[in-house]
Amino acid sequence: MHHAYFGELASAPTGVEWSGEIAVDGSRVDVWLTTDIEPTAAQLDTAATFLREVHRFDRIAREAVAAELEDDDSAVALYVTHHLAELSDADLAATFGTSRREEIEPSRFLVRLMLDHVGLRPDDPTYLATFDYTLDRKLTQYVLAVTFDQSGEVVSVEMES
């Protein structure tokens, strides 16, 4: 199967697969596209929009993450508190310029998050795109996963490994 943006998509036993990378703010971001069935051209076009307009969706995702920070029981609050408790003083100093945990405001923490991966599921009516954010993939296995639906609306913000 061929698509104008993705090029050749490899057939899998139950759908198609594609992987690549894009540059976002000078960093390499891995992209995976998988389906359970052969997607339509329209579904692939919708998925490609998330990559063509990655800066817009990155901004929307970051706004959703920041909004979740207001809830002490949210995945975002857990992500911040977990990493502030678990990272070594040296890692905190290298990342934030200080090892004094009380000086690292949650909003400062969120600014350090980088987009690490974009997952696309063009055949999924609920979760079309997932943007994974990490503090540093060398420091943690955990990400904040921001999921978008087919219309580009944020569906969820979750902490995942």
N, C-alpha and C. Protein backbone atom coordinates (compact mmCIF):
# COMPACT_ATOMS: atom_id res chain seq x y z
N MET A 1 0.85 -1.17 0.00
CA MET A 1 0.00 0.00 0.00
C MET A 1 0.90 1.24 0.00
N HIS A 2 0.52 2.24 -0.79
CA HIS A 2 1.31 3.46 -0.91
C HIS A 2 0.44 4.67 -0.51
N HIS A 3 1.09 5.63 0.18
CA HIS A 3 0.41 6.85 0.57
C HIS A 3 1.33 8.03 0.26
N ALA A 4 0.75 9.16 -0.10
CA ALA A 4 1.54 10.34 -0.49
C ALA A 4 2.49 10.80 0.62
N TYR A 5 2.06 10.79 1.88
CA TYR A 5 2.93 11.25 2.97
C TYR A 5 3.84 10.13 3.48
N PHE A 6 3.26 8.97 3.75
CA PHE A 6 3.99 7.88 4.38
C PHE A 6 4.82 7.05 3.41
N GLY A 7 4.51 7.17 2.12
CA GLY A 7 5.21 6.34 1.15
C GLY A 7 4.68 4.93 1.20
N GLU A 8 5.59 3.97 1.11
CA GLU A 8 5.18 2.57 1.11
C GLU A 8 4.93 2.10 2.54
N LEU A 9 3.77 1.50 2.77
CA LEU A 9 3.42 0.95 4.07
C LEU A 9 3.53 -0.56 3.99
N ALA A 10 4.22 -1.14 4.97
CA ALA A 10 4.43 -2.59 4.98
C ALA A 10 3.16 -3.29 5.43
N SER A 11 2.79 -4.32 4.71
CA SER A 11 1.63 -5.12 5.11
C SER A 11 2.02 -6.01 6.28
N ALA A 12 1.17 -6.02 7.28
CA ALA A 12 1.33 -6.91 8.43
C ALA A 12 0.23 -7.96 8.33
N PRO A 13 0.31 -9.00 9.16
CA PRO A 13 -0.72 -10.05 9.08
C PRO A 13 -2.15 -9.52 9.22
N THR A 14 -2.34 -8.46 9.99
CA THR A 14 -3.69 -7.95 10.19
C THR A 14 -3.84 -6.48 9.88
N GLY A 15 -2.93 -5.88 9.15
CA GLY A 15 -3.04 -4.45 8.83
C GLY A 15 -1.78 -3.96 8.16
N VAL A 16 -1.38 -2.73 8.49
CA VAL A 16 -0.16 -2.17 7.92
C VAL A 16 0.68 -1.55 9.04
N GLU A 17 1.98 -1.40 8.75
CA GLU A 17 2.90 -0.80 9.70
C GLU A 17 3.81 0.17 8.95
N TRP A 18 4.22 1.22 9.66
CA TRP A 18 5.17 2.19 9.11
C TRP A 18 5.90 2.82 10.29
N SER A 19 7.17 3.10 10.11
CA SER A 19 7.90 3.83 11.14
C SER A 19 8.83 4.82 10.45
N GLY A 20 9.08 5.89 11.15
CA GLY A 20 9.97 6.93 10.64
C GLY A 20 10.32 7.87 11.77
N GLU A 21 10.84 9.00 11.41
CA GLU A 21 11.14 10.01 12.42
C GLU A 21 10.94 11.39 11.81
N ILE A 22 10.64 12.32 12.69
CA ILE A 22 10.48 13.72 12.29
C ILE A 22 11.32 14.56 13.23
N ALA A 23 11.65 15.75 12.79
CA ALA A 23 12.39 16.69 13.64
C ALA A 23 11.40 17.68 14.24
N VAL A 24 11.49 17.85 15.55
CA VAL A 24 10.65 18.81 16.25
C VAL A 24 11.56 19.62 17.17
N ASP A 25 11.67 20.90 16.88
CA ASP A 25 12.51 21.80 17.68
C ASP A 25 13.93 21.27 17.84
N GLY A 26 14.47 20.73 16.77
CA GLY A 26 15.85 20.27 16.76
C GLY A 26 16.07 18.89 17.35
N SER A 27 15.02 18.23 17.78
CA SER A 27 15.14 16.88 18.34
C SER A 27 14.49 15.87 17.40
N ARG A 28 15.01 14.65 17.44
CA ARG A 28 14.47 13.56 16.65
C ARG A 28 13.31 12.92 17.41
N VAL A 29 12.18 12.76 16.75
CA VAL A 29 11.00 12.16 17.34
C VAL A 29 10.64 10.93 16.51
N ASP A 30 10.58 9.78 17.17
CA ASP A 30 10.19 8.54 16.50
C ASP A 30 8.69 8.55 16.23
N VAL A 31 8.30 8.01 15.08
CA VAL A 31 6.89 7.92 14.71
C VAL A 31 6.61 6.48 14.28
N TRP A 32 5.52 5.94 14.81
CA TRP A 32 5.05 4.62 14.41
C TRP A 32 3.60 4.73 14.00
N LEU A 33 3.27 4.04 12.95
CA LEU A 33 1.89 3.93 12.49
C LEU A 33 1.58 2.45 12.41
N THR A 34 0.49 2.03 13.04
CA THR A 34 0.06 0.64 12.98
C THR A 34 -1.45 0.60 12.84
N THR A 35 -1.93 -0.43 12.18
CA THR A 35 -3.38 -0.62 12.04
C THR A 35 -3.70 -2.11 12.20
N ASP A 36 -4.93 -2.37 12.55
CA ASP A 36 -5.39 -3.76 12.63
C ASP A 36 -6.04 -4.20 11.33
N ILE A 37 -6.46 -3.23 10.54
CA ILE A 37 -7.05 -3.51 9.23
C ILE A 37 -6.36 -2.59 8.22
N GLU A 38 -6.56 -2.86 6.96
CA GLU A 38 -5.99 -1.96 5.96
C GLU A 38 -6.74 -0.63 6.00
N PRO A 39 -6.03 0.47 6.27
CA PRO A 39 -6.70 1.77 6.40
C PRO A 39 -7.08 2.33 5.04
N THR A 40 -8.05 3.22 5.08
CA THR A 40 -8.44 3.93 3.86
C THR A 40 -7.47 5.09 3.63
N ALA A 41 -7.49 5.62 2.44
CA ALA A 41 -6.66 6.79 2.14
C ALA A 41 -7.05 7.96 3.03
N ALA A 42 -8.33 8.12 3.30
CA ALA A 42 -8.80 9.22 4.16
C ALA A 42 -8.28 9.06 5.58
N GLN A 43 -8.25 7.83 6.09
CA GLN A 43 -7.71 7.60 7.44
C GLN A 43 -6.22 7.94 7.48
N LEU A 44 -5.49 7.57 6.46
CA LEU A 44 -4.06 7.89 6.41
C LEU A 44 -3.84 9.39 6.27
N ASP A 45 -4.69 10.05 5.50
CA ASP A 45 -4.60 11.50 5.37
C ASP A 45 -4.79 12.19 6.72
N THR A 46 -5.77 11.72 7.48
CA THR A 46 -6.02 12.28 8.81
C THR A 46 -4.82 12.06 9.72
N ALA A 47 -4.25 10.86 9.69
CA ALA A 47 -3.06 10.57 10.50
C ALA A 47 -1.90 11.46 10.09
N ALA A 48 -1.71 11.66 8.80
CA ALA A 48 -0.61 12.49 8.31
C ALA A 48 -0.74 13.93 8.78
N THR A 49 -1.96 14.40 9.00
CA THR A 49 -2.17 15.76 9.50
C THR A 49 -1.46 15.97 10.83
N PHE A 50 -1.42 14.96 11.68
CA PHE A 50 -0.75 15.10 12.98
C PHE A 50 0.75 15.31 12.80
N LEU A 51 1.32 14.81 11.73
CA LEU A 51 2.75 15.00 11.48
C LEU A 51 3.01 16.29 10.71
N ARG A 52 2.17 16.58 9.75
CA ARG A 52 2.32 17.84 9.01
C ARG A 52 2.16 19.04 9.93
N GLU A 53 1.27 18.92 10.91
CA GLU A 53 0.98 20.00 11.84
C GLU A 53 1.45 19.66 13.26
N VAL A 54 2.60 19.00 13.34
CA VAL A 54 3.09 18.51 14.62
C VAL A 54 3.28 19.64 15.64
N HIS A 55 3.71 20.81 15.21
CA HIS A 55 3.90 21.91 16.16
C HIS A 55 2.58 22.36 16.78
N ARG A 56 1.53 22.39 16.00
CA ARG A 56 0.21 22.76 16.52
C ARG A 56 -0.28 21.72 17.53
N PHE A 57 -0.17 20.44 17.18
CA PHE A 57 -0.63 19.40 18.09
C PHE A 57 0.28 19.28 19.32
N ASP A 58 1.55 19.57 19.16
CA ASP A 58 2.46 19.61 20.31
C ASP A 58 2.00 20.69 21.30
N ARG A 59 1.65 21.85 20.78
CA ARG A 59 1.18 22.95 21.64
C ARG A 59 -0.11 22.55 22.35
N ILE A 60 -1.04 21.94 21.62
CA ILE A 60 -2.31 21.50 22.22
C ILE A 60 -2.04 20.46 23.31
N ALA A 61 -1.16 19.52 23.02
CA ALA A 61 -0.84 18.48 24.01
C ALA A 61 -0.21 19.08 25.25
N ARG A 62 0.71 20.01 25.08
CA ARG A 62 1.36 20.64 26.23
C ARG A 62 0.37 21.45 27.06
N GLU A 63 -0.58 22.09 26.39
CA GLU A 63 -1.63 22.81 27.13
C GLU A 63 -2.48 21.84 27.95
N ALA A 64 -2.77 20.67 27.39
CA ALA A 64 -3.54 19.66 28.12
C ALA A 64 -2.75 19.14 29.32
N VAL A 65 -1.46 18.94 29.15
CA VAL A 65 -0.61 18.49 30.26
C VAL A 65 -0.61 19.54 31.37
N ALA A 66 -0.42 20.80 31.00
CA ALA A 66 -0.39 21.88 31.99
C ALA A 66 -1.73 21.98 32.72
N ALA A 67 -2.83 21.81 32.02
CA ALA A 67 -4.15 21.88 32.65
C ALA A 67 -4.33 20.75 33.66
N GLU A 68 -3.79 19.58 33.36
CA GLU A 68 -3.91 18.43 34.26
C GLU A 68 -3.12 18.63 35.55
N LEU A 69 -2.12 19.47 35.50
CA LEU A 69 -1.28 19.70 36.67
C LEU A 69 -2.07 20.29 37.84
N GLU A 70 -3.16 20.95 37.53
CA GLU A 70 -4.01 21.56 38.57
C GLU A 70 -4.65 20.51 39.48
N ASP A 71 -4.79 19.28 38.99
CA ASP A 71 -5.42 18.20 39.75
C ASP A 71 -4.33 17.37 40.43
N ASP A 72 -4.29 17.40 41.76
CA ASP A 72 -3.27 16.68 42.51
C ASP A 72 -3.31 15.17 42.28
N ASP A 73 -4.45 14.65 41.82
CA ASP A 73 -4.59 13.21 41.59
C ASP A 73 -4.36 12.82 40.13
N SER A 74 -3.94 13.77 39.31
CA SER A 74 -3.78 13.50 37.87
C SER A 74 -2.49 12.73 37.58
N ALA A 75 -2.44 12.17 36.40
CA ALA A 75 -1.24 11.48 35.93
C ALA A 75 -0.06 12.44 35.84
N VAL A 76 -0.33 13.68 35.50
CA VAL A 76 0.74 14.68 35.39
C VAL A 76 1.35 14.96 36.76
N ALA A 77 0.49 15.16 37.76
CA ALA A 77 1.00 15.40 39.12
C ALA A 77 1.80 14.20 39.60
N LEU A 78 1.32 12.99 39.32
CA LEU A 78 2.05 11.78 39.70
C LEU A 78 3.41 11.72 38.99
N TYR A 79 3.43 12.04 37.71
CA TYR A 79 4.68 12.02 36.94
C TYR A 79 5.70 12.97 37.57
N VAL A 80 5.26 14.18 37.89
CA VAL A 80 6.17 15.17 38.47
C VAL A 80 6.66 14.72 39.84
N THR A 81 5.74 14.35 40.72
CA THR A 81 6.15 13.98 42.08
C THR A 81 7.01 12.72 42.08
N HIS A 82 6.67 11.77 41.23
CA HIS A 82 7.49 10.54 41.14
C HIS A 82 8.92 10.87 40.75
N HIS A 83 9.08 11.69 39.72
CA HIS A 83 10.43 11.97 39.24
C HIS A 83 11.21 12.88 40.19
N LEU A 84 10.54 13.80 40.83
CA LEU A 84 11.24 14.63 41.81
C LEU A 84 11.72 13.78 42.98
N ALA A 85 10.98 12.75 43.33
CA ALA A 85 11.38 11.87 44.44
C ALA A 85 12.45 10.86 44.02
N GLU A 86 12.36 10.37 42.78
CA GLU A 86 13.22 9.26 42.36
C GLU A 86 14.53 9.65 41.69
N LEU A 87 14.58 10.79 41.04
CA LEU A 87 15.82 11.16 40.33
C LEU A 87 16.91 11.52 41.33
N SER A 88 18.13 11.18 40.97
CA SER A 88 19.26 11.49 41.84
C SER A 88 19.52 12.99 41.86
N ASP A 89 20.25 13.43 42.88
CA ASP A 89 20.61 14.84 42.97
C ASP A 89 21.40 15.26 41.73
N ALA A 90 22.28 14.40 41.26
CA ALA A 90 23.09 14.72 40.07
C ALA A 90 22.21 14.88 38.83
N ASP A 91 21.23 13.99 38.67
CA ASP A 91 20.33 14.09 37.52
C ASP A 91 19.47 15.33 37.60
N LEU A 92 18.98 15.65 38.80
CA LEU A 92 18.20 16.88 38.97
C LEU A 92 19.05 18.11 38.64
N ALA A 93 20.27 18.14 39.13
CA ALA A 93 21.15 19.29 38.88
C ALA A 93 21.44 19.42 37.38
N ALA A 94 21.68 18.29 36.72
CA ALA A 94 21.97 18.34 35.28
C ALA A 94 20.75 18.79 34.48
N THR A 95 19.58 18.41 34.93
CA THR A 95 18.35 18.71 34.20
C THR A 95 17.80 20.10 34.51
N PHE A 96 17.82 20.46 35.80
CA PHE A 96 17.16 21.69 36.23
C PHE A 96 18.11 22.77 36.75
N GLY A 97 19.40 22.44 36.85
CA GLY A 97 20.36 23.42 37.35
C GLY A 97 20.40 23.49 38.87
N THR A 98 19.66 22.62 39.53
CA THR A 98 19.66 22.55 40.98
C THR A 98 19.24 21.15 41.41
N SER A 99 19.77 20.71 42.55
CA SER A 99 19.35 19.43 43.11
C SER A 99 18.36 19.64 44.25
N ARG A 100 18.04 20.89 44.54
CA ARG A 100 17.10 21.21 45.62
C ARG A 100 15.68 21.05 45.10
N ARG A 101 15.07 19.96 45.47
CA ARG A 101 13.75 19.60 44.97
C ARG A 101 12.71 20.69 45.20
N GLU A 102 12.78 21.36 46.34
CA GLU A 102 11.80 22.39 46.66
C GLU A 102 11.89 23.60 45.73
N GLU A 103 12.99 23.74 45.01
CA GLU A 103 13.15 24.85 44.07
C GLU A 103 12.59 24.53 42.68
N ILE A 104 12.27 23.28 42.46
CA ILE A 104 11.80 22.87 41.12
C ILE A 104 10.28 22.89 41.12
N GLU A 105 9.75 23.98 40.64
CA GLU A 105 8.29 24.12 40.53
C GLU A 105 7.76 23.17 39.45
N PRO A 106 6.55 22.66 39.63
CA PRO A 106 5.98 21.77 38.61
C PRO A 106 5.95 22.39 37.22
N SER A 107 5.66 23.68 37.11
CA SER A 107 5.62 24.31 35.78
C SER A 107 7.01 24.31 35.15
N ARG A 108 8.05 24.47 35.95
CA ARG A 108 9.43 24.41 35.45
C ARG A 108 9.75 23.00 34.98
N PHE A 109 9.23 22.03 35.71
CA PHE A 109 9.41 20.63 35.34
C PHE A 109 8.80 20.36 33.97
N LEU A 110 7.57 20.86 33.77
CA LEU A 110 6.87 20.60 32.51
C LEU A 110 7.57 21.22 31.31
N VAL A 111 8.23 22.35 31.51
CA VAL A 111 8.95 23.00 30.42
C VAL A 111 10.07 22.09 29.90
N ARG A 112 10.61 21.25 30.77
CA ARG A 112 11.72 20.36 30.39
C ARG A 112 11.26 19.12 29.62
N LEU A 113 9.95 18.86 29.60
CA LEU A 113 9.47 17.69 28.88
C LEU A 113 9.71 17.84 27.39
N MET A 114 10.12 16.73 26.77
CA MET A 114 10.33 16.75 25.32
C MET A 114 9.47 15.68 24.66
N LEU A 115 9.01 16.02 23.49
CA LEU A 115 8.26 15.06 22.69
C LEU A 115 9.21 13.98 22.22
N ASP A 116 8.89 12.73 22.56
CA ASP A 116 9.79 11.62 22.29
C ASP A 116 9.27 10.69 21.20
N HIS A 117 7.96 10.56 21.11
CA HIS A 117 7.39 9.57 20.21
C HIS A 117 5.96 9.99 19.83
N VAL A 118 5.60 9.72 18.59
CA VAL A 118 4.22 9.89 18.14
C VAL A 118 3.75 8.54 17.61
N GLY A 119 2.66 8.06 18.16
CA GLY A 119 2.06 6.81 17.71
C GLY A 119 0.77 7.12 16.98
N LEU A 120 0.57 6.51 15.83
CA LEU A 120 -0.63 6.75 15.01
C LEU A 120 -1.39 5.45 14.80
N ARG A 121 -2.69 5.51 15.02
CA ARG A 121 -3.59 4.38 14.80
C ARG A 121 -4.76 4.86 13.95
N PRO A 122 -4.56 5.03 12.64
CA PRO A 122 -5.60 5.63 11.80
C PRO A 122 -6.90 4.85 11.73
N ASP A 123 -6.89 3.58 12.11
CA ASP A 123 -8.12 2.79 12.06
C ASP A 123 -8.86 2.78 13.39
N ASP A 124 -8.34 3.45 14.40
CA ASP A 124 -8.97 3.47 15.72
C ASP A 124 -9.87 4.70 15.83
N PRO A 125 -11.16 4.52 16.02
CA PRO A 125 -12.07 5.67 16.05
C PRO A 125 -11.92 6.55 17.29
N THR A 126 -11.29 6.03 18.35
CA THR A 126 -11.16 6.78 19.59
C THR A 126 -9.77 7.38 19.77
N TYR A 127 -8.74 6.60 19.52
CA TYR A 127 -7.37 7.03 19.79
C TYR A 127 -6.57 7.04 18.50
N LEU A 128 -6.59 8.15 17.79
CA LEU A 128 -5.87 8.20 16.51
C LEU A 128 -4.39 8.46 16.71
N ALA A 129 -4.04 9.41 17.58
CA ALA A 129 -2.63 9.79 17.75
C ALA A 129 -2.30 9.89 19.22
N THR A 130 -1.10 9.43 19.57
CA THR A 130 -0.60 9.56 20.93
C THR A 130 0.76 10.24 20.87
N PHE A 131 0.90 11.34 21.61
CA PHE A 131 2.15 12.06 21.72
C PHE A 131 2.75 11.71 23.09
N ASP A 132 3.92 11.09 23.10
CA ASP A 132 4.59 10.70 24.34
C ASP A 132 5.67 11.71 24.70
N TYR A 133 5.60 12.20 25.94
CA TYR A 133 6.55 13.19 26.45
C TYR A 133 7.38 12.57 27.57
N THR A 134 8.66 12.90 27.59
CA THR A 134 9.55 12.40 28.62
C THR A 134 10.45 13.52 29.11
N LEU A 135 10.91 13.35 30.31
CA LEU A 135 11.90 14.27 30.84
C LEU A 135 13.23 14.02 30.14
N ASP A 136 13.57 12.77 30.00
CA ASP A 136 14.78 12.35 29.30
C ASP A 136 14.72 10.83 29.20
N ARG A 137 14.77 10.30 28.02
CA ARG A 137 14.63 8.85 27.87
C ARG A 137 15.77 8.08 28.53
N LYS A 138 16.90 8.76 28.82
CA LYS A 138 18.00 8.09 29.53
C LYS A 138 17.76 8.06 31.04
N LEU A 139 16.87 8.92 31.54
CA LEU A 139 16.62 9.02 32.97
C LEU A 139 15.41 8.24 33.44
N THR A 140 14.45 8.01 32.55
CA THR A 140 13.19 7.40 32.97
C THR A 140 12.57 6.58 31.86
N GLN A 141 11.85 5.55 32.28
CA GLN A 141 11.09 4.74 31.32
C GLN A 141 9.67 5.27 31.17
N TYR A 142 9.28 6.22 32.03
CA TYR A 142 7.92 6.71 32.04
C TYR A 142 7.72 7.89 31.10
N VAL A 143 6.53 7.93 30.51
CA VAL A 143 6.15 9.04 29.63
C VAL A 143 4.79 9.55 30.05
N LEU A 144 4.52 10.79 29.67
CA LEU A 144 3.16 11.31 29.72
C LEU A 144 2.61 11.16 28.31
N ALA A 145 1.58 10.35 28.17
CA ALA A 145 0.99 10.05 26.87
C ALA A 145 -0.27 10.89 26.69
N VAL A 146 -0.26 11.76 25.70
CA VAL A 146 -1.41 12.60 25.38
C VAL A 146 -2.05 12.03 24.13
N THR A 147 -3.31 11.62 24.26
CA THR A 147 -4.00 10.94 23.17
C THR A 147 -5.03 11.86 22.55
N PHE A 148 -5.07 11.83 21.21
CA PHE A 148 -6.01 12.62 20.42
C PHE A 148 -6.98 11.70 19.70
N ASP A 149 -8.20 12.21 19.49
CA ASP A 149 -9.18 11.46 18.69
C ASP A 149 -9.09 11.89 17.23
N GLN A 150 -10.00 11.35 16.42
CA GLN A 150 -10.01 11.61 14.97
C GLN A 150 -10.17 13.09 14.62
N SER A 151 -10.83 13.85 15.50
CA SER A 151 -11.05 15.27 15.22
C SER A 151 -9.95 16.17 15.79
N GLY A 152 -8.94 15.57 16.40
CA GLY A 152 -7.83 16.36 16.93
C GLY A 152 -8.04 16.86 18.34
N GLU A 153 -9.07 16.34 19.02
CA GLU A 153 -9.33 16.72 20.40
C GLU A 153 -8.57 15.81 21.35
N VAL A 154 -8.06 16.36 22.45
CA VAL A 154 -7.36 15.55 23.45
C VAL A 154 -8.39 14.67 24.16
N VAL A 155 -8.10 13.37 24.19
CA VAL A 155 -8.97 12.40 24.83
C VAL A 155 -8.49 12.09 26.24
N SER A 156 -7.16 11.99 26.41
CA SER A 156 -6.63 11.64 27.74
C SER A 156 -5.18 12.06 27.86
N VAL A 157 -4.76 12.19 29.11
CA VAL A 157 -3.35 12.38 29.47
C VAL A 157 -3.05 11.34 30.53
N GLU A 158 -2.16 10.42 30.23
CA GLU A 158 -1.85 9.30 31.13
C GLU A 158 -0.35 9.14 31.30
N MET A 159 0.04 8.61 32.46
CA MET A 159 1.43 8.22 32.68
C MET A 159 1.56 6.76 32.27
N GLU A 160 2.52 6.47 31.41
CA GLU A 160 2.73 5.11 30.92
C GLU A 160 4.21 4.77 30.95
N SER A 161 4.50 3.48 30.87
CA SER A 161 5.91 3.06 30.79
C SER A 161 6.15 2.32 29.50
